[in-house]
């Protein structure tokens, strides 16, 4: 599960550097942290 999250974060960071998407990486990380409890 965490490998998938890590992959999504890396992809999102890469996209952010290139295109500056509507959802910034920090916002994405906050959404991920809310949806997935940290164990």
PDB file of N, CA and C in Angstrom:
ATOM      1  N   UNK A   1       0.831  -1.205   0.000  1.00  0.00           N
ATOM      2  CA  UNK A   1       0.000   0.000   0.000  1.00  0.00           C
ATOM      3  C   UNK A   1       0.865   1.254   0.000  1.00  0.00           C
ATOM      4  N   UNK A   2       1.860   1.264   0.898  1.00  0.00           N
ATOM      5  CA  UNK A   2       2.706   2.460   0.990  1.00  0.00           C
ATOM      6  C   UNK A   2       3.554   2.663  -0.261  1.00  0.00           C
ATOM      7  N   UNK A   3       3.892   1.560  -0.928  1.00  0.00           N
ATOM      8  CA  UNK A   3       4.628   1.705  -2.192  1.00  0.00           C
ATOM      9  C   UNK A   3       3.775   2.434  -3.220  1.00  0.00           C
ATOM     10  N   UNK A   4       2.490   2.130  -3.225  1.00  0.00           N
ATOM     11  CA  UNK A   4       1.578   2.811  -4.146  1.00  0.00           C
ATOM     12  C   UNK A   4       1.484   4.288  -3.804  1.00  0.00           C
ATOM     13  N   UNK A   5       1.358   4.592  -2.517  1.00  0.00           N
ATOM     14  CA  UNK A   5       1.295   5.990  -2.075  1.00  0.00           C
ATOM     15  C   UNK A   5       2.577   6.714  -2.462  1.00  0.00           C
ATOM     16  N   UNK A   6       3.716   6.074  -2.228  1.00  0.00           N
ATOM     17  CA  UNK A   6       5.008   6.675  -2.554  1.00  0.00           C
ATOM     18  C   UNK A   6       5.106   6.954  -4.053  1.00  0.00           C
ATOM     19  N   UNK A   7       4.653   6.007  -4.849  1.00  0.00           N
ATOM     20  CA  UNK A   7       4.667   6.188  -6.299  1.00  0.00           C
ATOM     21  C   UNK A   7       3.791   7.367  -6.709  1.00  0.00           C
ATOM     22  N   UNK A   8       2.593   7.440  -6.142  1.00  0.00           N
ATOM     23  CA  UNK A   8       1.691   8.545  -6.473  1.00  0.00           C
ATOM     24  C   UNK A   8       2.299   9.886  -6.093  1.00  0.00           C
ATOM     25  N   UNK A   9       2.955   9.932  -4.937  1.00  0.00           N
ATOM     26  CA  UNK A   9       3.587  11.176  -4.490  1.00  0.00           C
ATOM     27  C   UNK A   9       4.709  11.569  -5.445  1.00  0.00           C
ATOM     28  N   UNK A  10       5.530  10.608  -5.825  1.00  0.00           N
ATOM     29  CA  UNK A  10       6.636  10.904  -6.740  1.00  0.00           C
ATOM     30  C   UNK A  10       6.111  11.411  -8.081  1.00  0.00           C
ATOM     31  N   UNK A  11       5.087  10.764  -8.593  1.00  0.00           N
ATOM     32  CA  UNK A  11       4.498  11.186  -9.866  1.00  0.00           C
ATOM     33  C   UNK A  11       3.924  12.587  -9.729  1.00  0.00           C
ATOM     34  N   UNK A  12       3.231  12.837  -8.611  1.00  0.00           N
ATOM     35  CA  UNK A  12       2.610  14.142  -8.402  1.00  0.00           C
ATOM     36  C   UNK A  12       3.673  15.232  -8.276  1.00  0.00           C
ATOM     37  N   UNK A  13       4.759  14.950  -7.571  1.00  0.00           N
ATOM     38  CA  UNK A  13       5.833  15.932  -7.440  1.00  0.00           C
ATOM     39  C   UNK A  13       6.456  16.222  -8.800  1.00  0.00           C
ATOM     40  N   UNK A  14       6.631  15.177  -9.600  1.00  0.00           N
ATOM     41  CA  UNK A  14       7.210  15.338 -10.930  1.00  0.00           C
ATOM     42  C   UNK A  14       6.305  16.211 -11.799  1.00  0.00           C
ATOM     43  N   UNK A  15       5.012  15.958 -11.742  1.00  0.00           N
ATOM     44  CA  UNK A  15       4.055  16.755 -12.516  1.00  0.00           C
ATOM     45  C   UNK A  15       4.058  18.194 -12.020  1.00  0.00           C
ATOM     46  N   UNK A  16       4.152  18.371 -10.701  1.00  0.00           N
ATOM     47  CA  UNK A  16       4.124  19.728 -10.141  1.00  0.00           C
ATOM     48  C   UNK A  16       5.296  20.551 -10.662  1.00  0.00           C
ATOM     49  N   UNK A  17       6.466  19.937 -10.743  1.00  0.00           N
ATOM     50  CA  UNK A  17       7.637  20.663 -11.230  1.00  0.00           C
ATOM     51  C   UNK A  17       7.478  21.052 -12.695  1.00  0.00           C
ATOM     52  N   UNK A  18       6.785  20.230 -13.463  1.00  0.00           N
ATOM     53  CA  UNK A  18       6.658  20.504 -14.897  1.00  0.00           C
ATOM     54  C   UNK A  18       5.492  21.425 -15.221  1.00  0.00           C
ATOM     55  N   UNK A  19       4.341  21.149 -14.655  1.00  0.00           N
ATOM     56  CA  UNK A  19       3.116  21.797 -15.138  1.00  0.00           C
ATOM     57  C   UNK A  19       2.405  22.678 -14.120  1.00  0.00           C
ATOM     58  N   UNK A  20       2.789  22.603 -12.856  1.00  0.00           N
ATOM     59  CA  UNK A  20       2.078  23.340 -11.798  1.00  0.00           C
ATOM     60  C   UNK A  20       0.581  23.035 -11.849  1.00  0.00           C
ATOM     61  N   UNK A  21       0.194  21.829 -11.466  1.00  0.00           N
ATOM     62  CA  UNK A  21      -1.210  21.433 -11.554  1.00  0.00           C
ATOM     63  C   UNK A  21      -2.083  22.166 -10.548  1.00  0.00           C
ATOM     64  N   UNK A  22      -3.370  21.977 -10.677  1.00  0.00           N
ATOM     65  CA  UNK A  22      -4.316  22.634  -9.775  1.00  0.00           C
ATOM     66  C   UNK A  22      -4.160  22.152  -8.344  1.00  0.00           C
ATOM     67  N   UNK A  23      -3.822  20.879  -8.173  1.00  0.00           N
ATOM     68  CA  UNK A  23      -3.643  20.331  -6.824  1.00  0.00           C
ATOM     69  C   UNK A  23      -2.151  20.240  -6.531  1.00  0.00           C
ATOM     70  N   UNK A  24      -1.643  21.134  -5.688  1.00  0.00           N
ATOM     71  CA  UNK A  24      -0.218  21.089  -5.373  1.00  0.00           C
ATOM     72  C   UNK A  24       0.147  19.845  -4.570  1.00  0.00           C
ATOM     73  N   UNK A  25       1.424  19.520  -4.553  1.00  0.00           N
ATOM     74  CA  UNK A  25       1.889  18.315  -3.870  1.00  0.00           C
ATOM     75  C   UNK A  25       1.539  18.338  -2.385  1.00  0.00           C
ATOM     76  N   UNK A  26       1.652  19.498  -1.753  1.00  0.00           N
ATOM     77  CA  UNK A  26       1.336  19.569  -0.320  1.00  0.00           C
ATOM     78  C   UNK A  26      -0.122  19.228  -0.060  1.00  0.00           C
ATOM     79  N   UNK A  27      -0.990  19.764  -0.902  1.00  0.00           N
ATOM     80  CA  UNK A  27      -2.415  19.475  -0.754  1.00  0.00           C
ATOM     81  C   UNK A  27      -2.677  17.992  -0.981  1.00  0.00           C
ATOM     82  N   UNK A  28      -2.023  17.416  -1.970  1.00  0.00           N
ATOM     83  CA  UNK A  28      -2.135  15.991  -2.249  1.00  0.00           C
ATOM     84  C   UNK A  28      -1.697  15.167  -1.046  1.00  0.00           C
ATOM     85  N   UNK A  29      -0.567  15.553  -0.450  1.00  0.00           N
ATOM     86  CA  UNK A  29      -0.070  14.839   0.722  1.00  0.00           C
ATOM     87  C   UNK A  29      -1.052  14.939   1.880  1.00  0.00           C
ATOM     88  N   UNK A  30      -1.640  16.103   2.082  1.00  0.00           N
ATOM     89  CA  UNK A  30      -2.624  16.274   3.151  1.00  0.00           C
ATOM     90  C   UNK A  30      -3.836  15.377   2.922  1.00  0.00           C
ATOM     91  N   UNK A  31      -4.286  15.287   1.688  1.00  0.00           N
ATOM     92  CA  UNK A  31      -5.420  14.422   1.361  1.00  0.00           C
ATOM     93  C   UNK A  31      -5.063  12.968   1.641  1.00  0.00           C
ATOM     94  N   UNK A  32      -3.862  12.567   1.237  1.00  0.00           N
ATOM     95  CA  UNK A  32      -3.414  11.189   1.461  1.00  0.00           C
ATOM     96  C   UNK A  32      -3.355  10.894   2.953  1.00  0.00           C
ATOM     97  N   UNK A  33      -2.813  11.819   3.731  1.00  0.00           N
ATOM     98  CA  UNK A  33      -2.695  11.604   5.175  1.00  0.00           C
ATOM     99  C   UNK A  33      -4.054  11.503   5.850  1.00  0.00           C
ATOM    100  N   UNK A  34      -5.031  12.259   5.362  1.00  0.00           N
ATOM    101  CA  UNK A  34      -6.377  12.185   5.941  1.00  0.00           C
ATOM    102  C   UNK A  34      -7.041  10.857   5.605  1.00  0.00           C
ATOM    103  N   UNK A  35      -6.848  10.384   4.381  1.00  0.00           N
ATOM    104  CA  UNK A  35      -7.516   9.168   3.933  1.00  0.00           C
ATOM    105  C   UNK A  35      -6.863   7.899   4.463  1.00  0.00           C
ATOM    106  N   UNK A  36      -5.549   7.930   4.682  1.00  0.00           N
ATOM    107  CA  UNK A  36      -4.827   6.735   5.106  1.00  0.00           C
ATOM    108  C   UNK A  36      -4.246   6.967   6.493  1.00  0.00           C
ATOM    109  N   UNK A  37      -4.739   6.234   7.500  1.00  0.00           N
ATOM    110  CA  UNK A  37      -4.194   6.413   8.851  1.00  0.00           C
ATOM    111  C   UNK A  37      -2.737   5.963   8.915  1.00  0.00           C
ATOM    112  N   UNK A  38      -1.922   6.754   9.594  1.00  0.00           N
ATOM    113  CA  UNK A  38      -0.503   6.423   9.735  1.00  0.00           C
ATOM    114  C   UNK A  38      -0.354   5.433  10.877  1.00  0.00           C
ATOM    115  N   UNK A  39       0.258   4.285  10.573  1.00  0.00           N
ATOM    116  CA  UNK A  39       0.423   3.264  11.607  1.00  0.00           C
ATOM    117  C   UNK A  39       1.867   3.167  12.025  1.00  0.00           C
TER     118      UNK A  39
END
